[in-house]
Amino acid sequence: MQGFGIRIAKGLNAMMHRSGRVLGDRYHAHVLRTP
């Protein structure tokens, strides 16, 4: 997820012609343990 976030941040910053933070917060994860 860190690598995925970096790809998104670099790509979106290049598209928006800016730099800096792109993700608003750290990712939320919920492990699914039952059907």
Full PDB file with SEQRES, HELIX, SHEET, SSBOND, CRYST1, ORIGX, SCALE, CONECT and MASTER records, all heavy atoms in Angstrom:
SEQRES   1 A   35  MET GLN GLY PHE GLY ILE ARG ILE ALA LYS GLY LEU ASN          
SEQRES   2 A   35  ALA MET MET HIS ARG SER GLY ARG VAL LEU GLY ASP ARG          
SEQRES   3 A   35  TYR HIS ALA HIS VAL LEU ARG THR PRO                          
HELIX    1 AA1 GLN A    2  MET A   16  1                                  15    
CRYST1    1.000    1.000    1.000  90.00  90.00  90.00 P 1           1          
ORIGX1      1.000000  0.000000  0.000000        0.00000                         
ORIGX2      0.000000  1.000000  0.000000        0.00000                         
ORIGX3      0.000000  0.000000  1.000000        0.00000                         
SCALE1      1.000000  0.000000  0.000000        0.00000                         
SCALE2      0.000000  1.000000  0.000000        0.00000                         
SCALE3      0.000000  0.000000  1.000000        0.00000                         
ATOM      1  N   MET A   1       0.824  -1.212   0.000  1.00  0.00           N  
ATOM      2  CA  MET A   1       0.000   0.000   0.000  1.00  0.00           C  
ATOM      3  C   MET A   1       0.856   1.261   0.000  1.00  0.00           C  
ATOM      4  O   MET A   1       0.480   2.283  -0.565  1.00  0.00           O  
ATOM      5  CB  MET A   1      -0.948   0.004   1.203  1.00  0.00           C  
ATOM      6  CG  MET A   1      -2.065  -1.039   1.114  1.00  0.00           C  
ATOM      7  SD  MET A   1      -3.124  -0.836  -0.360  1.00  0.00           S  
ATOM      8  CE  MET A   1      -2.447  -2.093  -1.465  1.00  0.00           C  
ATOM      9  N   GLN A   2       2.022   1.186   0.619  1.00  0.00           N  
ATOM     10  CA  GLN A   2       2.940   2.321   0.571  1.00  0.00           C  
ATOM     11  C   GLN A   2       3.397   2.571  -0.869  1.00  0.00           C  
ATOM     12  O   GLN A   2       3.397   3.710  -1.347  1.00  0.00           O  
ATOM     13  CB  GLN A   2       4.155   2.066   1.465  1.00  0.00           C  
ATOM     14  CG  GLN A   2       5.125   3.249   1.516  1.00  0.00           C  
ATOM     15  CD  GLN A   2       6.318   2.964   2.421  1.00  0.00           C  
ATOM     16  OE1 GLN A   2       6.711   1.810   2.620  1.00  0.00           O  
ATOM     17  NE2 GLN A   2       6.904   4.006   2.972  1.00  0.00           N  
ATOM     18  N   GLY A   3       3.750   1.485  -1.563  1.00  0.00           N  
ATOM     19  CA  GLY A   3       4.159   1.615  -2.960  1.00  0.00           C  
ATOM     20  C   GLY A   3       3.030   2.102  -3.848  1.00  0.00           C  
ATOM     21  O   GLY A   3       3.225   2.964  -4.726  1.00  0.00           O  
ATOM     22  N   PHE A   4       1.826   1.586  -3.614  1.00  0.00           N  
ATOM     23  CA  PHE A   4       0.656   2.009  -4.382  1.00  0.00           C  
ATOM     24  C   PHE A   4       0.374   3.495  -4.153  1.00  0.00           C  
ATOM     25  O   PHE A   4       0.096   4.253  -5.087  1.00  0.00           O  
ATOM     26  CB  PHE A   4      -0.544   1.155  -3.963  1.00  0.00           C  
ATOM     27  CG  PHE A   4      -1.817   1.469  -4.690  1.00  0.00           C  
ATOM     28  CD1 PHE A   4      -1.907   1.358  -6.076  1.00  0.00           C  
ATOM     29  CD2 PHE A   4      -2.952   1.865  -3.987  1.00  0.00           C  
ATOM     30  CE1 PHE A   4      -3.088   1.642  -6.743  1.00  0.00           C  
ATOM     31  CE2 PHE A   4      -4.136   2.140  -4.639  1.00  0.00           C  
ATOM     32  CZ  PHE A   4      -4.205   2.040  -6.021  1.00  0.00           C  
ATOM     33  N   GLY A   5       0.465   3.927  -2.888  1.00  0.00           N  
ATOM     34  CA  GLY A   5       0.238   5.334  -2.563  1.00  0.00           C  
ATOM     35  C   GLY A   5       1.256   6.248  -3.219  1.00  0.00           C  
ATOM     36  O   GLY A   5       0.909   7.344  -3.685  1.00  0.00           O  
ATOM     37  N   ILE A   6       2.508   5.813  -3.266  1.00  0.00           N  
ATOM     38  CA  ILE A   6       3.560   6.620  -3.902  1.00  0.00           C  
ATOM     39  C   ILE A   6       3.292   6.758  -5.395  1.00  0.00           C  
ATOM     40  O   ILE A   6       3.434   7.848  -5.975  1.00  0.00           O  
ATOM     41  CB  ILE A   6       4.949   5.994  -3.646  1.00  0.00           C  
ATOM     42  CG1 ILE A   6       5.328   6.165  -2.166  1.00  0.00           C  
ATOM     43  CG2 ILE A   6       6.004   6.618  -4.542  1.00  0.00           C  
ATOM     44  CD1 ILE A   6       6.561   5.398  -1.755  1.00  0.00           C  
ATOM     45  N   ARG A   7       2.868   5.664  -6.047  1.00  0.00           N  
ATOM     46  CA  ARG A   7       2.546   5.729  -7.484  1.00  0.00           C  
ATOM     47  C   ARG A   7       1.411   6.724  -7.738  1.00  0.00           C  
ATOM     48  O   ARG A   7       1.467   7.528  -8.664  1.00  0.00           O  
ATOM     49  CB  ARG A   7       2.123   4.349  -7.993  1.00  0.00           C  
ATOM     50  CG  ARG A   7       3.237   3.331  -8.117  1.00  0.00           C  
ATOM     51  CD  ARG A   7       2.697   2.023  -8.679  1.00  0.00           C  
ATOM     52  NE  ARG A   7       3.675   0.962  -8.599  1.00  0.00           N  
ATOM     53  CZ  ARG A   7       4.636   0.757  -9.499  1.00  0.00           C  
ATOM     54  NH1 ARG A   7       4.737   1.571 -10.530  1.00  0.00           N  
ATOM     55  NH2 ARG A   7       5.485  -0.244  -9.355  1.00  0.00           N  
ATOM     56  N   ILE A   8       0.380   6.659  -6.898  1.00  0.00           N  
ATOM     57  CA  ILE A   8      -0.749   7.571  -7.057  1.00  0.00           C  
ATOM     58  C   ILE A   8      -0.303   9.015  -6.839  1.00  0.00           C  
ATOM     59  O   ILE A   8      -0.651   9.921  -7.614  1.00  0.00           O  
ATOM     60  CB  ILE A   8      -1.882   7.205  -6.074  1.00  0.00           C  
ATOM     61  CG1 ILE A   8      -2.549   5.893  -6.499  1.00  0.00           C  
ATOM     62  CG2 ILE A   8      -2.918   8.322  -5.994  1.00  0.00           C  
ATOM     63  CD1 ILE A   8      -3.617   5.415  -5.536  1.00  0.00           C  
ATOM     64  N   ALA A   9       0.477   9.251  -5.780  1.00  0.00           N  
ATOM     65  CA  ALA A   9       0.910  10.612  -5.455  1.00  0.00           C  
ATOM     66  C   ALA A   9       1.762  11.206  -6.579  1.00  0.00           C  
ATOM     67  O   ALA A   9       1.536  12.352  -7.002  1.00  0.00           O  
ATOM     68  CB  ALA A   9       1.692  10.608  -4.144  1.00  0.00           C  
ATOM     69  N   LYS A  10       2.716  10.441  -7.067  1.00  0.00           N  
ATOM     70  CA  LYS A  10       3.576  10.948  -8.145  1.00  0.00           C  
ATOM     71  C   LYS A  10       2.767  11.224  -9.403  1.00  0.00           C  
ATOM     72  O   LYS A  10       2.935  12.260 -10.061  1.00  0.00           O  
ATOM     73  CB  LYS A  10       4.695   9.951  -8.450  1.00  0.00           C  
ATOM     74  CG  LYS A  10       5.785   9.912  -7.395  1.00  0.00           C  
ATOM     75  CD  LYS A  10       6.896   8.958  -7.800  1.00  0.00           C  
ATOM     76  CE  LYS A  10       8.054   9.001  -6.805  1.00  0.00           C  
ATOM     77  NZ  LYS A  10       9.138   8.057  -7.183  1.00  0.00           N  
ATOM     78  N   GLY A  11       1.879  10.301  -9.751  1.00  0.00           N  
ATOM     79  CA  GLY A  11       1.082  10.458 -10.961  1.00  0.00           C  
ATOM     80  C   GLY A  11       0.125  11.634 -10.891  1.00  0.00           C  
ATOM     81  O   GLY A  11       0.020  12.432 -11.826  1.00  0.00           O  
ATOM     82  N   LEU A  12      -0.585  11.770  -9.755  1.00  0.00           N  
ATOM     83  CA  LEU A  12      -1.545  12.863  -9.624  1.00  0.00           C  
ATOM     84  C   LEU A  12      -0.838  14.213  -9.528  1.00  0.00           C  
ATOM     85  O   LEU A  12      -1.302  15.210 -10.094  1.00  0.00           O  
ATOM     86  CB  LEU A  12      -2.442  12.640  -8.404  1.00  0.00           C  
ATOM     87  CG  LEU A  12      -3.474  11.511  -8.533  1.00  0.00           C  
ATOM     88  CD1 LEU A  12      -4.237  11.342  -7.226  1.00  0.00           C  
ATOM     89  CD2 LEU A  12      -4.442  11.773  -9.680  1.00  0.00           C  
ATOM     90  N   ASN A  13       0.289  14.276  -8.825  1.00  0.00           N  
ATOM     91  CA  ASN A  13       1.031  15.532  -8.744  1.00  0.00           C  
ATOM     92  C   ASN A  13       1.520  15.966 -10.122  1.00  0.00           C  
ATOM     93  O   ASN A  13       1.446  17.146 -10.472  1.00  0.00           O  
ATOM     94  CB  ASN A  13       2.212  15.400  -7.781  1.00  0.00           C  
ATOM     95  CG  ASN A  13       1.852  15.780  -6.359  1.00  0.00           C  
ATOM     96  OD1 ASN A  13       0.932  16.554  -6.137  1.00  0.00           O  
ATOM     97  ND2 ASN A  13       2.574  15.246  -5.395  1.00  0.00           N  
ATOM     98  N   ALA A  14       2.018  15.021 -10.908  1.00  0.00           N  
ATOM     99  CA  ALA A  14       2.461  15.362 -12.263  1.00  0.00           C  
ATOM    100  C   ALA A  14       1.289  15.852 -13.101  1.00  0.00           C  
ATOM    101  O   ALA A  14       1.410  16.830 -13.855  1.00  0.00           O  
ATOM    102  CB  ALA A  14       3.119  14.148 -12.915  1.00  0.00           C  
ATOM    103  N   MET A  15       0.137  15.196 -12.977  1.00  0.00           N  
ATOM    104  CA  MET A  15      -1.040  15.592 -13.747  1.00  0.00           C  
ATOM    105  C   MET A  15      -1.554  16.973 -13.324  1.00  0.00           C  
ATOM    106  O   MET A  15      -2.003  17.766 -14.142  1.00  0.00           O  
ATOM    107  CB  MET A  15      -2.129  14.520 -13.568  1.00  0.00           C  
ATOM    108  CG  MET A  15      -3.387  14.731 -14.391  1.00  0.00           C  
ATOM    109  SD  MET A  15      -4.639  15.632 -13.455  1.00  0.00           S  
ATOM    110  CE  MET A  15      -5.117  14.419 -12.234  1.00  0.00           C  
ATOM    111  N   MET A  16      -1.474  17.281 -12.015  1.00  0.00           N  
ATOM    112  CA  MET A  16      -1.979  18.557 -11.498  1.00  0.00           C  
ATOM    113  C   MET A  16      -0.931  19.667 -11.557  1.00  0.00           C  
ATOM    114  O   MET A  16      -1.212  20.804 -11.187  1.00  0.00           O  
ATOM    115  CB  MET A  16      -2.454  18.380 -10.046  1.00  0.00           C  
ATOM    116  CG  MET A  16      -3.631  17.444  -9.874  1.00  0.00           C  
ATOM    117  SD  MET A  16      -4.276  17.394  -8.148  1.00  0.00           S  
ATOM    118  CE  MET A  16      -2.865  16.715  -7.276  1.00  0.00           C  
ATOM    119  N   HIS A  17       0.314  19.323 -11.983  1.00  0.00           N  
ATOM    120  CA  HIS A  17       1.422  20.294 -12.045  1.00  0.00           C  
ATOM    121  C   HIS A  17       1.688  20.935 -10.686  1.00  0.00           C  
ATOM    122  O   HIS A  17       1.779  22.153 -10.558  1.00  0.00           O  
ATOM    123  CB  HIS A  17       1.126  21.382 -13.092  1.00  0.00           C  
ATOM    124  CG  HIS A  17       0.856  20.850 -14.454  1.00  0.00           C  
ATOM    125  ND1 HIS A  17       1.833  20.247 -15.228  1.00  0.00           N  
ATOM    126  CD2 HIS A  17      -0.293  20.803 -15.182  1.00  0.00           C  
ATOM    127  CE1 HIS A  17       1.307  19.863 -16.378  1.00  0.00           C  
ATOM    128  NE2 HIS A  17       0.012  20.171 -16.369  1.00  0.00           N  
ATOM    129  N   ARG A  18       1.810  20.078  -9.680  1.00  0.00           N  
ATOM    130  CA  ARG A  18       2.123  20.566  -8.356  1.00  0.00           C  
ATOM    131  C   ARG A  18       2.922  19.508  -7.616  1.00  0.00           C  
ATOM    132  O   ARG A  18       3.209  18.427  -8.160  1.00  0.00           O  
ATOM    133  CB  ARG A  18       0.851  20.937  -7.585  1.00  0.00           C  
ATOM    134  CG  ARG A  18      -0.114  19.797  -7.331  1.00  0.00           C  
ATOM    135  CD  ARG A  18      -1.337  20.295  -6.587  1.00  0.00           C  
ATOM    136  NE  ARG A  18      -0.974  20.812  -5.268  1.00  0.00           N  
ATOM    137  CZ  ARG A  18      -1.716  21.672  -4.562  1.00  0.00           C  
ATOM    138  NH1 ARG A  18      -2.842  22.128  -5.066  1.00  0.00           N  
ATOM    139  NH2 ARG A  18      -1.348  22.071  -3.367  1.00  0.00           N  
ATOM    140  N   SER A  19       3.321  19.795  -6.395  1.00  0.00           N  
ATOM    141  CA  SER A  19       4.057  18.826  -5.589  1.00  0.00           C  
ATOM    142  C   SER A  19       3.471  18.818  -4.186  1.00  0.00           C  
ATOM    143  O   SER A  19       2.647  19.656  -3.845  1.00  0.00           O  
ATOM    144  CB  SER A  19       5.546  19.192  -5.538  1.00  0.00           C  
ATOM    145  OG  SER A  19       5.713  20.467  -4.944  1.00  0.00           O  
ATOM    146  N   GLY A  20       3.925  17.876  -3.386  1.00  0.00           N  
ATOM    147  CA  GLY A  20       3.461  17.812  -2.010  1.00  0.00           C  
ATOM    148  C   GLY A  20       2.532  16.651  -1.756  1.00  0.00           C  
ATOM    149  O   GLY A  20       2.400  15.723  -2.564  1.00  0.00           O  
ATOM    150  N   ARG A  21       1.854  16.730  -0.641  1.00  0.00           N  
ATOM    151  CA  ARG A  21       1.017  15.633  -0.157  1.00  0.00           C  
ATOM    152  C   ARG A  21      -0.194  15.422  -1.058  1.00  0.00           C  
ATOM    153  O   ARG A  21      -0.835  16.371  -1.496  1.00  0.00           O  
ATOM    154  CB  ARG A  21       0.548  15.954   1.272  1.00  0.00           C  
ATOM    155  CG  ARG A  21      -0.209  14.853   1.966  1.00  0.00           C  
ATOM    156  CD  ARG A  21      -0.401  15.223   3.431  1.00  0.00           C  
ATOM    157  NE  ARG A  21      -1.151  16.462   3.562  1.00  0.00           N  
ATOM    158  CZ  ARG A  21      -2.471  16.503   3.736  1.00  0.00           C  
ATOM    159  NH1 ARG A  21      -3.176  15.386   3.800  1.00  0.00           N  
ATOM    160  NH2 ARG A  21      -3.086  17.654   3.843  1.00  0.00           N  
ATOM    161  N   VAL A  22      -0.523  14.169  -1.314  1.00  0.00           N  
ATOM    162  CA  VAL A  22      -1.704  13.808  -2.107  1.00  0.00           C  
ATOM    163  C   VAL A  22      -2.686  13.010  -1.254  1.00  0.00           C  
ATOM    164  O   VAL A  22      -3.893  13.255  -1.299  1.00  0.00           O  
ATOM    165  CB  VAL A  22      -1.308  13.009  -3.364  1.00  0.00           C  
ATOM    166  CG1 VAL A  22      -2.526  12.336  -4.000  1.00  0.00           C  
ATOM    167  CG2 VAL A  22      -0.629  13.923  -4.375  1.00  0.00           C  
ATOM    168  N   LEU A  23      -2.183  12.056  -0.486  1.00  0.00           N  
ATOM    169  CA  LEU A  23      -3.061  11.261   0.371  1.00  0.00           C  
ATOM    170  C   LEU A  23      -3.504  12.098   1.565  1.00  0.00           C  
ATOM    171  O   LEU A  23      -2.692  12.774   2.206  1.00  0.00           O  
ATOM    172  CB  LEU A  23      -2.346   9.998   0.848  1.00  0.00           C  
ATOM    173  CG  LEU A  23      -1.918   9.007  -0.245  1.00  0.00           C  
ATOM    174  CD1 LEU A  23      -1.265   7.790   0.382  1.00  0.00           C  
ATOM    175  CD2 LEU A  23      -3.086   8.600  -1.108  1.00  0.00           C  
ATOM    176  N   GLY A  24      -4.796  12.048   1.866  1.00  0.00           N  
ATOM    177  CA  GLY A  24      -5.329  12.841   2.956  1.00  0.00           C  
ATOM    178  C   GLY A  24      -5.020  12.268   4.323  1.00  0.00           C  
ATOM    179  O   GLY A  24      -5.000  12.981   5.316  1.00  0.00           O  
ATOM    180  N   ASP A  25      -4.764  10.974   4.386  1.00  0.00           N  
ATOM    181  CA  ASP A  25      -4.513  10.318   5.663  1.00  0.00           C  
ATOM    182  C   ASP A  25      -3.886   8.964   5.359  1.00  0.00           C  
ATOM    183  O   ASP A  25      -3.818   8.543   4.200  1.00  0.00           O  
ATOM    184  CB  ASP A  25      -5.832  10.140   6.429  1.00  0.00           C  
ATOM    185  CG  ASP A  25      -5.625  10.057   7.940  1.00  0.00           C  
ATOM    186  OD1 ASP A  25      -4.488   9.762   8.361  1.00  0.00           O  
ATOM    187  OD2 ASP A  25      -6.585  10.276   8.682  1.00  0.00           O  
ATOM    188  N   ARG A  26      -3.454   8.274   6.378  1.00  0.00           N  
ATOM    189  CA  ARG A  26      -2.955   6.925   6.141  1.00  0.00           C  
ATOM    190  C   ARG A  26      -4.138   6.018   5.797  1.00  0.00           C  
ATOM    191  O   ARG A  26      -5.287   6.309   6.167  1.00  0.00           O  
ATOM    192  CB  ARG A  26      -2.183   6.396   7.343  1.00  0.00           C  
ATOM    193  CG  ARG A  26      -2.952   6.317   8.637  1.00  0.00           C  
ATOM    194  CD  ARG A  26      -2.045   5.955   9.795  1.00  0.00           C  
ATOM    195  NE  ARG A  26      -2.671   4.947  10.653  1.00  0.00           N  
ATOM    196  CZ  ARG A  26      -2.006   3.978  11.254  1.00  0.00           C  
ATOM    197  NH1 ARG A  26      -0.700   3.860  11.078  1.00  0.00           N  
ATOM    198  NH2 ARG A  26      -2.630   3.105  12.020  1.00  0.00           N  
ATOM    199  N   TYR A  27      -3.851   4.931   5.098  1.00  0.00           N  
ATOM    200  CA  TYR A  27      -4.939   4.074   4.633  1.00  0.00           C  
ATOM    201  C   TYR A  27      -5.616   3.359   5.804  1.00  0.00           C  
ATOM    202  O   TYR A  27      -5.016   3.095   6.834  1.00  0.00           O  
ATOM    203  CB  TYR A  27      -4.436   3.072   3.590  1.00  0.00           C  
ATOM    204  CG  TYR A  27      -3.534   1.983   4.128  1.00  0.00           C  
ATOM    205  CD1 TYR A  27      -4.057   0.789   4.615  1.00  0.00           C  
ATOM    206  CD2 TYR A  27      -2.144   2.139   4.129  1.00  0.00           C  
ATOM    207  CE1 TYR A  27      -3.233  -0.213   5.111  1.00  0.00           C  
ATOM    208  CE2 TYR A  27      -1.309   1.146   4.613  1.00  0.00           C  
ATOM    209  CZ  TYR A  27      -1.858  -0.021   5.100  1.00  0.00           C  
ATOM    210  OH  TYR A  27      -1.035  -1.011   5.593  1.00  0.00           O  
ATOM    211  N   HIS A  28      -6.890   3.048   5.604  1.00  0.00           N  
ATOM    212  CA  HIS A  28      -7.649   2.275   6.590  1.00  0.00           C  
ATOM    213  C   HIS A  28      -7.759   0.847   6.069  1.00  0.00           C  
ATOM    214  O   HIS A  28      -8.031   0.622   4.890  1.00  0.00           O  
ATOM    215  CB  HIS A  28      -9.047   2.871   6.775  1.00  0.00           C  
ATOM    216  CG  HIS A  28      -9.904   2.067   7.702  1.00  0.00           C  
ATOM    217  ND1 HIS A  28     -10.762   1.069   7.261  1.00  0.00           N  
ATOM    218  CD2 HIS A  28     -10.024   2.099   9.045  1.00  0.00           C  
ATOM    219  CE1 HIS A  28     -11.370   0.527   8.298  1.00  0.00           C  
ATOM    220  NE2 HIS A  28     -10.959   1.132   9.388  1.00  0.00           N  
ATOM    221  N   ALA A  29      -7.527  -0.132   6.936  1.00  0.00           N  
ATOM    222  CA  ALA A  29      -7.583  -1.540   6.532  1.00  0.00           C  
ATOM    223  C   ALA A  29      -8.441  -2.338   7.510  1.00  0.00           C  
ATOM    224  O   ALA A  29      -8.288  -2.219   8.724  1.00  0.00           O  
ATOM    225  CB  ALA A  29      -6.177  -2.133   6.479  1.00  0.00           C  
ATOM    226  N   HIS A  30      -9.352  -3.135   6.945  1.00  0.00           N  
ATOM    227  CA  HIS A  30     -10.190  -4.014   7.760  1.00  0.00           C  
ATOM    228  C   HIS A  30     -10.024  -5.435   7.247  1.00  0.00           C  
ATOM    229  O   HIS A  30     -10.374  -5.751   6.102  1.00  0.00           O  
ATOM    230  CB  HIS A  30     -11.658  -3.591   7.665  1.00  0.00           C  
ATOM    231  CG  HIS A  30     -12.592  -4.528   8.368  1.00  0.00           C  
ATOM    232  ND1 HIS A  30     -12.538  -4.758   9.728  1.00  0.00           N  
ATOM    233  CD2 HIS A  30     -13.608  -5.303   7.901  1.00  0.00           C  
ATOM    234  CE1 HIS A  30     -13.475  -5.630  10.060  1.00  0.00           C  
ATOM    235  NE2 HIS A  30     -14.123  -5.986   8.974  1.00  0.00           N  
ATOM    236  N   VAL A  31      -9.444  -6.298   8.074  1.00  0.00           N  
ATOM    237  CA  VAL A  31      -9.206  -7.697   7.694  1.00  0.00           C  
ATOM    238  C   VAL A  31     -10.528  -8.454   7.713  1.00  0.00           C  
ATOM    239  O   VAL A  31     -11.287  -8.386   8.680  1.00  0.00           O  
ATOM    240  CB  VAL A  31      -8.187  -8.363   8.650  1.00  0.00           C  
ATOM    241  CG1 VAL A  31      -7.914  -9.804   8.210  1.00  0.00           C  
ATOM    242  CG2 VAL A  31      -6.890  -7.565   8.698  1.00  0.00           C  
ATOM    243  N   LEU A  32     -10.804  -9.184   6.632  1.00  0.00           N  
ATOM    244  CA  LEU A  32     -12.068  -9.933   6.493  1.00  0.00           C  
ATOM    245  C   LEU A  32     -11.808 -11.388   6.870  1.00  0.00           C  
ATOM    246  O   LEU A  32     -11.079 -12.091   6.180  1.00  0.00           O  
ATOM    247  CB  LEU A  32     -12.580  -9.805   5.053  1.00  0.00           C  
ATOM    248  CG  LEU A  32     -12.682  -8.370   4.527  1.00  0.00           C  
ATOM    249  CD1 LEU A  32     -13.031  -8.354   3.046  1.00  0.00           C  
ATOM    250  CD2 LEU A  32     -13.684  -7.566   5.340  1.00  0.00           C  
ATOM    251  N   ARG A  33     -12.429 -11.835   7.941  1.00  0.00           N  
ATOM    252  CA  ARG A  33     -12.101 -13.160   8.474  1.00  0.00           C  
ATOM    253  C   ARG A  33     -13.228 -14.179   8.336  1.00  0.00           C  
ATOM    254  O   ARG A  33     -13.041 -15.338   8.668  1.00  0.00           O  
ATOM    255  CB  ARG A  33     -11.691 -13.033   9.945  1.00  0.00           C  
ATOM    256  CG  ARG A  33     -10.413 -12.210  10.144  1.00  0.00           C  
ATOM    257  CD  ARG A  33     -10.034 -12.116  11.602  1.00  0.00           C  
ATOM    258  NE  ARG A  33      -8.825 -11.334  11.821  1.00  0.00           N  
ATOM    259  CZ  ARG A  33      -7.580 -11.827  11.776  1.00  0.00           C  
ATOM    260  NH1 ARG A  33      -7.389 -13.109  11.533  1.00  0.00           N  
ATOM    261  NH2 ARG A  33      -6.548 -11.045  11.993  1.00  0.00           N  
ATOM    262  N   THR A  34     -14.405 -13.754   7.900  1.00  0.00           N  
ATOM    263  CA  THR A  34     -15.525 -14.692   7.757  1.00  0.00           C  
ATOM    264  C   THR A  34     -16.193 -14.489   6.395  1.00  0.00           C  
ATOM    265  O   THR A  34     -16.088 -13.409   5.801  1.00  0.00           O  
ATOM    266  CB  THR A  34     -16.583 -14.475   8.854  1.00  0.00           C  
ATOM    267  OG1 THR A  34     -17.224 -13.204   8.647  1.00  0.00           O  
ATOM    268  CG2 THR A  34     -15.958 -14.500  10.248  1.00  0.00           C  
ATOM    269  N   PRO A  35     -16.912 -15.486   5.897  1.00  0.00           N  
ATOM    270  CA  PRO A  35     -17.634 -15.324   4.625  1.00  0.00           C  
ATOM    271  C   PRO A  35     -18.642 -14.174   4.660  1.00  0.00           C  
ATOM    272  O   PRO A  35     -18.793 -13.444   3.680  1.00  0.00           O  
ATOM    273  CB  PRO A  35     -18.325 -16.679   4.434  1.00  0.00           C  
ATOM    274  CG  PRO A  35     -17.469 -17.641   5.181  1.00  0.00           C  
ATOM    275  CD  PRO A  35     -16.968 -16.886   6.377  1.00  0.00           C  
TER     276      PRO A  35                                                      
MASTER        0    0    0    1    0    0    0    6  275    1    0    3          
END                                                                             
